[in-house]
Amino acid sequence: MSYDFCTMNEMLFFIQIFLILSFTLGALKLGQSALVAWVAIQALIANLFVLKQITLFGFEVTASDAFVIGSLLGLNFLQEFYSKEEANRATWICFFSMFFFALISRLHLYYEPSLHDTSQIAFQTILSPSPRIFMASMSVFFIVQQFDMRFFSWLKNRLPNLSFSFRTAMALLISQFLDTFLFSFVGLYGLVASVFDIIVISYLIKLIVVFCFTSIIRLVKA
């Protein structure tokens, strides 16, 4: 059976990439505080949307990869235009926000719904993921943020003549491999038929996102 490359999911995927990049650039224009807030928002969205599985280019993937990369791109902007210390502060704000969301989500589910409520089942489905998957997602995301921040800083200090877009691409390519590898083993090992297939397919999708982001990112320096 043939597969139509440009299905609705693929079109939505590229629209998603465009919107994330546009709003990330918008946050950069608004200033440091907006960029820090945007990094944290994308981190929260990524850890929530990771629960939804979609078919993309004929493969089963999650709907959150672009937000993960968008958050890391925001960290790279913070380092490039502000400071490493500000980027590090942003990673802790992300972790603080995700931890609060995890706690308040559980508390929200304990409320007894009224007889007229119709949303409890939906909230239970969205806010009651496997504790293993949620903790793996949150922990791995924080680790990858720390790695990306330090690796980007190392590239900036050691290879200052490289363009921002090239340094960003290098940092994202390596950090996303680390993200895919760690989450696949920590969160999915034993739950899926082939962790290797998950790693390969997820990383290929992330390569597309990185390529799209860094192909346009030169506009930032214009």
Protein backbone atom coordinates (compact mmCIF):
# COMPACT_ATOMS: atom_id res chain seq x y z
CA MET A 1 0.00 0.00 0.00
CA SER A 2 1.47 3.35 -1.04
CA TYR A 3 1.94 6.14 1.45
CA ASP A 4 1.09 9.75 0.63
CA PHE A 5 4.02 11.81 1.96
CA CYS A 6 1.98 14.96 2.44
CA THR A 7 -0.91 13.92 4.68
CA MET A 8 -2.69 16.14 7.18
CA ASN A 9 -0.27 15.16 9.98
CA GLU A 10 2.77 16.15 7.92
CA MET A 11 1.22 19.52 7.04
CA LEU A 12 0.36 20.13 10.70
CA PHE A 13 3.91 19.09 11.66
CA PHE A 14 5.49 21.80 9.47
CA ILE A 15 2.94 24.38 10.61
CA GLN A 16 3.86 23.47 14.20
CA ILE A 17 7.55 23.97 13.45
CA PHE A 18 6.86 27.35 11.83
CA LEU A 19 4.75 28.53 14.78
CA ILE A 20 7.30 27.41 17.40
CA LEU A 21 10.15 29.12 15.58
CA SER A 22 8.12 32.30 14.98
CA PHE A 23 7.08 32.58 18.62
CA THR A 24 10.62 31.79 19.82
CA LEU A 25 11.94 34.65 17.68
CA GLY A 26 9.10 36.82 18.98
CA ALA A 27 10.09 36.02 22.58
CA LEU A 28 13.66 36.97 21.73
CA LYS A 29 12.47 40.32 20.40
CA LEU A 30 10.41 40.90 23.57
CA GLY A 31 13.48 40.44 25.74
CA GLN A 32 15.15 38.24 28.32
CA SER A 33 12.17 37.67 30.61
CA ALA A 34 9.90 36.71 27.73
CA LEU A 35 12.50 34.26 26.43
CA VAL A 36 12.91 32.61 29.84
CA ALA A 37 9.13 32.28 30.16
CA TRP A 38 8.89 30.86 26.64
CA VAL A 39 11.54 28.23 27.36
CA ALA A 40 9.58 27.10 30.44
CA ILE A 41 6.25 27.07 28.60
CA GLN A 42 7.65 24.86 25.85
CA ALA A 43 9.11 22.51 28.46
CA LEU A 44 5.68 22.10 30.06
CA ILE A 45 3.98 21.58 26.71
CA ALA A 46 6.60 19.03 25.63
CA ASN A 47 6.16 16.94 28.77
CA LEU A 48 2.36 17.00 28.39
CA PHE A 49 2.16 16.39 24.64
CA VAL A 50 4.60 13.47 24.82
CA LEU A 51 1.60 11.32 25.82
CA LYS A 52 -0.05 11.62 22.39
CA GLN A 53 1.12 9.20 19.71
CA ILE A 54 0.79 10.19 16.05
CA THR A 55 1.71 8.76 12.66
CA LEU A 56 4.30 10.90 10.87
CA PHE A 57 5.96 9.97 7.58
CA GLY A 58 4.61 6.46 8.11
CA PHE A 59 6.11 6.04 11.60
CA GLU A 60 4.62 6.05 15.10
CA VAL A 61 6.05 9.02 17.04
CA THR A 62 5.04 11.47 19.77
CA ALA A 63 3.67 14.93 19.11
CA SER A 64 6.15 16.74 21.36
CA ASP A 65 9.58 16.58 19.70
CA ALA A 66 9.39 20.04 18.13
CA PHE A 67 8.65 21.63 21.52
CA VAL A 68 11.65 19.92 23.11
CA ILE A 69 13.93 21.34 20.43
CA GLY A 70 12.21 24.73 20.58
CA SER A 71 12.90 24.96 24.31
CA LEU A 72 16.57 24.13 23.79
CA LEU A 73 16.75 26.68 20.99
CA GLY A 74 15.46 29.26 23.45
CA LEU A 75 18.25 28.33 25.85
CA ASN A 76 20.80 28.82 23.08
CA PHE A 77 19.33 32.25 22.37
CA LEU A 78 19.68 33.14 26.05
CA GLN A 79 23.35 32.20 26.01
CA GLU A 80 24.06 33.93 22.71
CA PHE A 81 22.30 37.22 23.45
CA TYR A 82 22.42 37.35 27.26
CA SER A 83 24.57 35.01 29.39
CA LYS A 84 25.24 31.42 30.38
CA GLU A 85 24.03 32.26 33.88
CA GLU A 86 20.66 33.37 32.51
CA ALA A 87 20.35 30.15 30.52
CA ASN A 88 21.17 28.11 33.62
CA ARG A 89 18.54 30.02 35.58
CA ALA A 90 16.04 29.19 32.85
CA THR A 91 16.72 25.44 33.18
CA TRP A 92 15.96 25.59 36.90
CA ILE A 93 12.80 27.62 36.24
CA CYS A 94 11.75 24.88 33.79
CA PHE A 95 12.34 22.15 36.35
CA PHE A 96 10.56 24.15 39.06
CA SER A 97 7.57 24.68 36.74
CA MET A 98 7.41 21.02 35.68
CA PHE A 99 7.63 19.82 39.27
CA PHE A 100 4.82 22.16 40.32
CA PHE A 101 2.71 20.98 37.38
CA ALA A 102 3.27 17.35 38.38
CA LEU A 103 2.12 18.02 41.94
CA ILE A 104 -0.84 20.23 41.11
CA SER A 105 -2.03 17.80 38.43
CA ARG A 106 -2.33 15.03 40.98
CA LEU A 107 -4.10 17.35 43.41
CA HIS A 108 -6.54 18.44 40.70
CA LEU A 109 -7.58 14.83 40.07
CA TYR A 110 -8.47 14.30 43.73
CA TYR A 111 -11.29 16.88 43.55
CA GLU A 112 -14.64 15.12 43.55
CA PRO A 113 -16.43 16.17 40.35
CA SER A 114 -19.99 17.42 40.57
CA LEU A 115 -22.88 15.49 39.11
CA HIS A 116 -22.91 17.88 36.15
CA ASP A 117 -19.20 17.59 35.36
CA THR A 118 -18.21 16.01 32.05
CA SER A 119 -14.44 16.60 32.10
CA GLN A 120 -13.13 14.29 34.84
CA ILE A 121 -12.55 11.31 32.56
CA ALA A 122 -10.62 13.48 30.10
CA PHE A 123 -8.51 14.95 32.90
CA GLN A 124 -7.77 11.46 34.25
CA THR A 125 -6.62 10.32 30.81
CA ILE A 126 -4.34 13.33 30.28
CA LEU A 127 -3.05 13.88 33.82
CA SER A 128 -2.62 10.27 34.93
CA PRO A 129 0.20 8.92 32.78
CA SER A 130 2.45 6.13 33.94
CA PRO A 131 4.59 7.55 36.79
CA ARG A 132 7.59 5.94 35.15
CA ILE A 133 7.01 7.71 31.83
CA PHE A 134 6.30 11.09 33.44
CA MET A 135 9.35 10.98 35.72
CA ALA A 136 11.53 9.77 32.86
CA SER A 137 10.30 12.57 30.62
CA MET A 138 10.79 15.28 33.25
CA SER A 139 14.20 14.03 34.44
CA VAL A 140 15.63 13.42 30.98
CA PHE A 141 14.42 16.81 29.78
CA PHE A 142 16.24 18.54 32.64
CA ILE A 143 19.44 16.56 32.02
CA VAL A 144 19.36 17.33 28.30
CA GLN A 145 18.78 21.03 28.98
CA GLN A 146 21.85 21.09 31.22
CA PHE A 147 23.92 19.25 28.62
CA ASP A 148 22.81 21.47 25.74
CA MET A 149 23.56 24.61 27.71
CA ARG A 150 27.07 23.48 28.63
CA PHE A 151 27.90 22.06 25.20
CA PHE A 152 26.69 25.21 23.43
CA SER A 153 28.81 27.29 25.83
CA TRP A 154 31.83 25.08 25.11
CA LEU A 155 31.34 25.52 21.36
CA LYS A 156 31.00 29.27 21.77
CA ASN A 157 34.24 29.50 23.75
CA ARG A 158 36.30 27.03 21.73
CA LEU A 159 34.98 27.84 18.26
CA PRO A 160 33.96 31.51 18.41
CA ASN A 161 34.27 31.94 14.64
CA LEU A 162 31.51 29.44 13.94
CA SER A 163 28.16 31.00 13.10
CA PHE A 164 25.36 30.92 15.66
CA SER A 165 23.23 28.73 13.39
CA PHE A 166 26.02 26.17 13.00
CA ARG A 167 26.75 26.04 16.73
CA THR A 168 23.03 25.69 17.40
CA ALA A 169 22.74 22.84 14.91
CA MET A 170 25.70 20.97 16.46
CA ALA A 171 24.36 21.40 19.99
CA LEU A 172 20.82 20.33 19.05
CA LEU A 173 21.93 17.30 17.04
CA ILE A 174 23.96 15.89 19.92
CA SER A 175 21.57 16.88 22.72
CA GLN A 176 18.62 15.37 20.84
CA PHE A 177 20.42 12.09 20.37
CA LEU A 178 21.06 12.07 24.13
CA ASP A 179 17.40 12.93 24.79
CA THR A 180 16.13 10.18 22.49
CA PHE A 181 18.53 7.55 23.84
CA LEU A 182 17.92 8.29 27.52
CA PHE A 183 14.13 8.59 27.33
CA SER A 184 13.80 5.45 25.19
CA PHE A 185 15.69 3.34 27.71
CA VAL A 186 14.56 4.97 30.95
CA GLY A 187 10.92 5.46 30.00
CA LEU A 188 10.16 2.83 27.36
CA TYR A 189 12.49 -0.15 27.84
CA GLY A 190 10.40 -3.24 28.42
CA LEU A 191 7.22 -1.50 27.27
CA VAL A 192 7.88 -1.49 23.52
CA ALA A 193 8.88 -4.25 21.10
CA SER A 194 12.08 -2.56 19.91
CA VAL A 195 13.77 0.32 21.71
CA PHE A 196 16.27 0.55 18.84
CA ASP A 197 13.46 1.24 16.34
CA ILE A 198 12.03 3.92 18.63
CA ILE A 199 15.44 5.62 18.91
CA VAL A 200 16.08 5.60 15.16
CA ILE A 201 12.61 6.81 14.16
CA SER A 202 12.36 9.48 16.86
CA TYR A 203 15.82 10.83 16.07
CA LEU A 204 15.05 11.01 12.35
CA ILE A 205 11.98 13.13 13.10
CA LYS A 206 14.07 15.38 15.34
CA LEU A 207 16.64 15.79 12.56
CA ILE A 208 13.89 17.21 10.36
CA VAL A 209 12.93 19.69 13.09
CA VAL A 210 16.55 20.74 13.68
CA PHE A 211 17.12 21.19 9.94
CA CYS A 212 14.01 23.37 9.62
CA PHE A 213 14.95 25.50 12.63
CA THR A 214 18.58 26.07 11.72
CA SER A 215 17.81 26.72 8.05
CA ILE A 216 15.84 29.83 9.06
CA ILE A 217 17.78 30.81 12.18
CA ARG A 218 20.24 32.94 10.18
CA LEU A 219 17.51 35.59 10.12
CA VAL A 220 18.18 36.20 13.81
CA LYS A 221 21.60 37.63 13.09
CA ALA A 222 20.38 39.70 10.14
